[in-house]
Amino acid sequence: MLHQKHGLPFTVTADAERLTPAQAATRTTRNRLAWCLRESKWAGARLVEVLGRLHNPACPWPHVVDHECPPGTPQTPKPEGALW
């Protein structure tokens, strides 16, 4: 998972799988956003929110989507050392 805590006023947790804009669009929902992953050797990685039709479908950058826990994952905080 990718975690971005700097540069945005909130925390983003996204799956690390890099997708094309079209692939990312098929995985988004009202509660699961897509992000354009802008990477550079000078600035590092930066996530930019994809705003539906306003985003260029030919965007050259890889895309990621918000992480979604698999069904059945406990919603309580995990105990220290837990692998789920």
N, C-alpha and C. Protein backbone atom coordinates (compact mmCIF):
# COMPACT_ATOMS: atom_id res chain seq x y z
N MET A 1 0.83 -1.19 0.00
CA MET A 1 0.00 0.00 0.00
C MET A 1 0.87 1.24 0.00
N LEU A 2 0.40 2.27 -0.62
CA LEU A 2 1.08 3.55 -0.64
C LEU A 2 0.40 4.46 0.38
N HIS A 3 1.19 5.16 1.17
CA HIS A 3 0.64 6.11 2.14
C HIS A 3 1.20 7.49 1.83
N GLN A 4 0.35 8.45 1.61
CA GLN A 4 0.81 9.83 1.44
C GLN A 4 0.25 10.65 2.58
N LYS A 5 1.15 11.21 3.36
CA LYS A 5 0.72 12.03 4.49
C LYS A 5 1.15 13.48 4.33
N HIS A 6 1.96 13.76 3.34
CA HIS A 6 2.46 15.12 3.13
C HIS A 6 1.97 15.63 1.79
N GLY A 7 1.68 16.91 1.71
CA GLY A 7 1.24 17.51 0.46
C GLY A 7 -0.27 17.59 0.33
N LEU A 8 -1.00 16.80 1.11
CA LEU A 8 -2.46 16.86 1.10
C LEU A 8 -2.93 17.08 2.53
N PRO A 9 -4.12 17.63 2.72
CA PRO A 9 -4.59 17.86 4.08
C PRO A 9 -5.18 16.62 4.74
N PHE A 10 -5.00 15.45 4.15
CA PHE A 10 -5.53 14.21 4.72
C PHE A 10 -4.62 13.05 4.33
N THR A 11 -4.85 11.89 4.92
CA THR A 11 -4.06 10.71 4.62
C THR A 11 -4.72 9.89 3.53
N VAL A 12 -3.94 9.46 2.56
CA VAL A 12 -4.42 8.61 1.48
C VAL A 12 -3.75 7.25 1.62
N THR A 13 -4.53 6.20 1.64
CA THR A 13 -4.00 4.84 1.63
C THR A 13 -4.51 4.18 0.36
N ALA A 14 -3.58 3.91 -0.55
CA ALA A 14 -3.95 3.35 -1.85
C ALA A 14 -3.20 2.05 -2.08
N ASP A 15 -3.81 1.18 -2.88
CA ASP A 15 -3.13 -0.05 -3.29
C ASP A 15 -1.90 0.33 -4.12
N ALA A 16 -0.85 -0.46 -4.01
CA ALA A 16 0.40 -0.16 -4.71
C ALA A 16 0.37 -0.57 -6.18
N GLU A 17 -0.63 -1.34 -6.60
CA GLU A 17 -0.72 -1.78 -7.99
C GLU A 17 -0.91 -0.59 -8.92
N ARG A 18 -0.02 -0.45 -9.88
CA ARG A 18 -0.11 0.66 -10.84
C ARG A 18 -1.01 0.25 -12.00
N LEU A 19 -1.94 1.14 -12.34
CA LEU A 19 -2.96 0.87 -13.35
C LEU A 19 -2.94 1.94 -14.42
N THR A 20 -3.54 1.63 -15.57
CA THR A 20 -3.77 2.65 -16.59
C THR A 20 -4.99 3.47 -16.14
N PRO A 21 -5.20 4.65 -16.72
CA PRO A 21 -6.40 5.41 -16.35
C PRO A 21 -7.69 4.62 -16.56
N ALA A 22 -7.76 3.83 -17.64
CA ALA A 22 -8.98 3.04 -17.91
C ALA A 22 -9.17 1.95 -16.86
N GLN A 23 -8.10 1.28 -16.47
CA GLN A 23 -8.20 0.24 -15.44
C GLN A 23 -8.64 0.85 -14.11
N ALA A 24 -8.06 1.99 -13.75
CA ALA A 24 -8.41 2.66 -12.50
C ALA A 24 -9.88 3.06 -12.50
N ALA A 25 -10.37 3.53 -13.64
CA ALA A 25 -11.77 3.96 -13.73
C ALA A 25 -12.73 2.81 -13.46
N THR A 26 -12.36 1.59 -13.85
CA THR A 26 -13.26 0.44 -13.62
C THR A 26 -13.29 0.03 -12.15
N ARG A 27 -12.31 0.44 -11.36
CA ARG A 27 -12.25 0.05 -9.95
C ARG A 27 -12.74 1.13 -8.99
N THR A 28 -13.09 2.27 -9.51
CA THR A 28 -13.55 3.34 -8.63
C THR A 28 -15.04 3.22 -8.34
N THR A 29 -15.42 3.71 -7.18
CA THR A 29 -16.82 3.80 -6.78
C THR A 29 -17.00 5.16 -6.12
N ARG A 30 -18.18 5.40 -5.62
CA ARG A 30 -18.43 6.67 -4.93
C ARG A 30 -17.53 6.83 -3.71
N ASN A 31 -17.17 5.71 -3.08
CA ASN A 31 -16.34 5.75 -1.88
C ASN A 31 -14.92 5.24 -2.11
N ARG A 32 -14.56 4.96 -3.33
CA ARG A 32 -13.20 4.47 -3.64
C ARG A 32 -12.66 5.30 -4.81
N LEU A 33 -11.75 6.21 -4.50
CA LEU A 33 -11.24 7.15 -5.49
C LEU A 33 -10.03 6.62 -6.22
N ALA A 34 -9.79 7.16 -7.40
CA ALA A 34 -8.58 6.88 -8.16
C ALA A 34 -7.63 8.07 -7.99
N TRP A 35 -6.35 7.77 -8.06
CA TRP A 35 -5.31 8.79 -7.89
C TRP A 35 -4.28 8.65 -9.00
N CYS A 36 -3.83 9.77 -9.53
CA CYS A 36 -2.76 9.81 -10.51
C CYS A 36 -1.46 9.85 -9.72
N LEU A 37 -0.57 8.91 -9.97
CA LEU A 37 0.68 8.80 -9.22
C LEU A 37 1.79 9.50 -9.99
N ARG A 38 2.09 10.72 -9.56
CA ARG A 38 3.12 11.53 -10.22
C ARG A 38 4.44 11.28 -9.51
N GLU A 39 5.37 10.66 -10.21
CA GLU A 39 6.67 10.34 -9.62
C GLU A 39 7.77 11.09 -10.36
N SER A 40 8.69 11.66 -9.59
CA SER A 40 9.85 12.30 -10.20
C SER A 40 11.05 12.09 -9.29
N LYS A 41 12.23 12.10 -9.88
CA LYS A 41 13.43 11.90 -9.07
C LYS A 41 13.72 13.10 -8.19
N TRP A 42 13.14 14.26 -8.49
CA TRP A 42 13.37 15.45 -7.69
C TRP A 42 12.35 15.61 -6.57
N ALA A 43 11.09 15.31 -6.84
CA ALA A 43 10.04 15.56 -5.85
C ALA A 43 9.51 14.29 -5.20
N GLY A 44 9.95 13.12 -5.65
CA GLY A 44 9.42 11.87 -5.10
C GLY A 44 8.05 11.57 -5.67
N ALA A 45 7.25 10.81 -4.94
CA ALA A 45 5.91 10.43 -5.39
C ALA A 45 4.88 11.39 -4.82
N ARG A 46 3.90 11.74 -5.65
CA ARG A 46 2.82 12.63 -5.23
C ARG A 46 1.52 12.09 -5.81
N LEU A 47 0.49 12.02 -5.00
CA LEU A 47 -0.82 11.55 -5.46
C LEU A 47 -1.70 12.75 -5.80
N VAL A 48 -2.34 12.69 -6.98
CA VAL A 48 -3.25 13.75 -7.41
C VAL A 48 -4.60 13.10 -7.68
N GLU A 49 -5.65 13.64 -7.05
CA GLU A 49 -6.98 13.05 -7.21
C GLU A 49 -7.45 13.13 -8.66
N VAL A 50 -8.02 12.03 -9.14
CA VAL A 50 -8.58 11.98 -10.49
C VAL A 50 -10.04 12.42 -10.38
N LEU A 51 -10.40 13.41 -11.15
CA LEU A 51 -11.75 13.97 -11.07
C LEU A 51 -12.60 13.56 -12.27
N GLY A 52 -12.83 12.27 -12.40
CA GLY A 52 -13.72 11.76 -13.44
C GLY A 52 -13.36 12.20 -14.84
N ARG A 53 -14.32 12.78 -15.53
CA ARG A 53 -14.13 13.15 -16.94
C ARG A 53 -13.14 14.30 -17.12
N LEU A 54 -12.81 15.01 -16.05
CA LEU A 54 -11.86 16.11 -16.17
C LEU A 54 -10.43 15.59 -16.33
N HIS A 55 -10.19 14.33 -16.00
CA HIS A 55 -8.85 13.75 -16.09
C HIS A 55 -8.62 13.23 -17.50
N ASN A 56 -7.45 13.47 -18.02
CA ASN A 56 -7.09 13.05 -19.38
C ASN A 56 -7.00 11.53 -19.46
N PRO A 57 -7.81 10.87 -20.29
CA PRO A 57 -7.75 9.41 -20.39
C PRO A 57 -6.42 8.91 -20.97
N ALA A 58 -5.66 9.79 -21.61
CA ALA A 58 -4.36 9.41 -22.15
C ALA A 58 -3.22 9.83 -21.21
N CYS A 59 -3.54 10.07 -19.96
CA CYS A 59 -2.53 10.49 -18.97
C CYS A 59 -1.38 9.48 -18.95
N PRO A 60 -0.13 9.93 -19.02
CA PRO A 60 1.00 9.01 -19.08
C PRO A 60 1.43 8.44 -17.73
N TRP A 61 0.91 8.99 -16.65
CA TRP A 61 1.32 8.55 -15.32
C TRP A 61 0.56 7.30 -14.90
N PRO A 62 1.16 6.45 -14.04
CA PRO A 62 0.41 5.31 -13.51
C PRO A 62 -0.67 5.81 -12.55
N HIS A 63 -1.69 5.00 -12.34
CA HIS A 63 -2.79 5.35 -11.44
C HIS A 63 -2.95 4.29 -10.37
N VAL A 64 -3.42 4.69 -9.22
CA VAL A 64 -3.70 3.78 -8.10
C VAL A 64 -5.09 4.09 -7.58
N VAL A 65 -5.69 3.16 -6.86
CA VAL A 65 -7.02 3.38 -6.27
C VAL A 65 -6.94 3.20 -4.76
N ASP A 66 -7.89 3.84 -4.07
CA ASP A 66 -7.97 3.71 -2.62
C ASP A 66 -7.99 2.23 -2.24
N HIS A 67 -7.31 1.92 -1.14
CA HIS A 67 -7.31 0.54 -0.65
C HIS A 67 -8.68 0.19 -0.12
N GLU A 68 -9.09 -1.03 -0.39
CA GLU A 68 -10.37 -1.55 0.11
C GLU A 68 -10.08 -2.90 0.76
N CYS A 69 -10.30 -3.00 2.06
CA CYS A 69 -10.03 -4.26 2.76
C CYS A 69 -10.95 -5.36 2.23
N PRO A 70 -10.44 -6.60 2.14
CA PRO A 70 -11.28 -7.70 1.67
C PRO A 70 -12.46 -7.94 2.60
N PRO A 71 -13.57 -8.48 2.08
CA PRO A 71 -14.72 -8.78 2.93
C PRO A 71 -14.30 -9.70 4.08
N GLY A 72 -14.84 -9.46 5.25
CA GLY A 72 -14.54 -10.28 6.41
C GLY A 72 -13.39 -9.74 7.24
N THR A 73 -12.72 -8.68 6.78
CA THR A 73 -11.64 -8.09 7.56
C THR A 73 -12.23 -7.40 8.78
N PRO A 74 -11.74 -7.71 9.98
CA PRO A 74 -12.29 -7.07 11.18
C PRO A 74 -12.16 -5.54 11.10
N GLN A 75 -13.18 -4.85 11.54
CA GLN A 75 -13.19 -3.39 11.50
C GLN A 75 -12.57 -2.76 12.74
N THR A 76 -12.18 -3.58 13.69
CA THR A 76 -11.57 -3.06 14.92
C THR A 76 -10.09 -2.84 14.69
N PRO A 77 -9.46 -1.99 15.48
CA PRO A 77 -8.02 -1.81 15.32
C PRO A 77 -7.30 -3.13 15.53
N LYS A 78 -6.29 -3.38 14.70
CA LYS A 78 -5.58 -4.65 14.82
C LYS A 78 -4.63 -4.63 16.01
N PRO A 79 -4.52 -5.77 16.70
CA PRO A 79 -3.59 -5.83 17.81
C PRO A 79 -2.15 -5.72 17.28
N GLU A 80 -1.28 -5.20 18.09
CA GLU A 80 0.11 -5.07 17.69
C GLU A 80 0.69 -6.43 17.30
N GLY A 81 1.34 -6.47 16.15
CA GLY A 81 1.93 -7.71 15.66
C GLY A 81 1.00 -8.53 14.80
N ALA A 82 -0.28 -8.15 14.69
CA ALA A 82 -1.23 -8.91 13.87
C ALA A 82 -0.90 -8.74 12.39
N LEU A 83 -1.18 -9.75 11.59
CA LEU A 83 -0.89 -9.71 10.16
C LEU A 83 -2.12 -9.41 9.32
N TRP A 84 -3.25 -9.06 9.90
CA TRP A 84 -4.44 -8.73 9.14
C TRP A 84 -4.73 -7.26 9.26
